[in-house]
């Protein structure tokens, strides 16, 4: 019975990951907050790895949905292939956008995890960037995007978006949220900003998962391997649904609703922990 309960927790966490990884509401923040109430029966070292590695399931959903846009090769009838220069150029821009985040993560990841992975920091980040989303969307109401497609994103714009992504090292910020905010500020359309966020997520999340696995090692127990597998599988399935929903949603709506959600959740977290601290 205890093992069944633990796997139900894993399934729930996989659902949370699949939903929050792609919506700009902070997957890491939600995972840490959920763990405050639904404690996974594992040591802290494994949980740290678990929260990152199940993101691989979410990433595989992106790869599956955007496979034709992501693969830089076009295969011919006779088995030969040609390089799609536009796609290859896009991946080069993704590499440029990844550089700032990679440098900051390598230098400060341990410090951030030790000092800032707290409910209060998460709540403040949720509220701050929730306000930012609402403010930017109001500001953008009468602005026409200067970049309608990800193919129009230049190397300079990619680097600027990558600098904004650095903000996501603070838990509660949201990697996709920081990237989208940065893209919107510099004139990228919502659809292009979201698609570029998906592309950027592939190397970033693979890299973060690999970093955590290297730190932890691969000495998992059988149950731990199963927990990782179940978490990734659930995150994969839920991510497919969420990605399709988001791409459809932003064609007709803006991101203000996610800003409102972030503010409400952030305030609720502050009130809850303020109350529990007094009890």
Foldseek 3Di string as FASTA:
>chain_A
DVLVLLLVVLLVLLLLLLQPQQQQFFNQLVSLVVCVPRPRPDDPLLVVLLSQLLVVLLLVLLCVVCVVLQDQWDADPVGDIDGNVLNVVLVVLLVLLQVVQVVCCVVCVVVLVVPQSDLLQLLVLLQVLLVLQQVLCVVCVPPAAPAEASSPQDSVLSNQLSVQLNVPSRGNNHSLSSSQSSCSVNRYANLRSSNSSSVSCNVVSVVVSVVSCVVVDPPDDPSSVVSSVSSNNSSNVSNNVNVVVVSVVSVPDGSSVSSVVSNVVSVVSVVVVVVVVVD
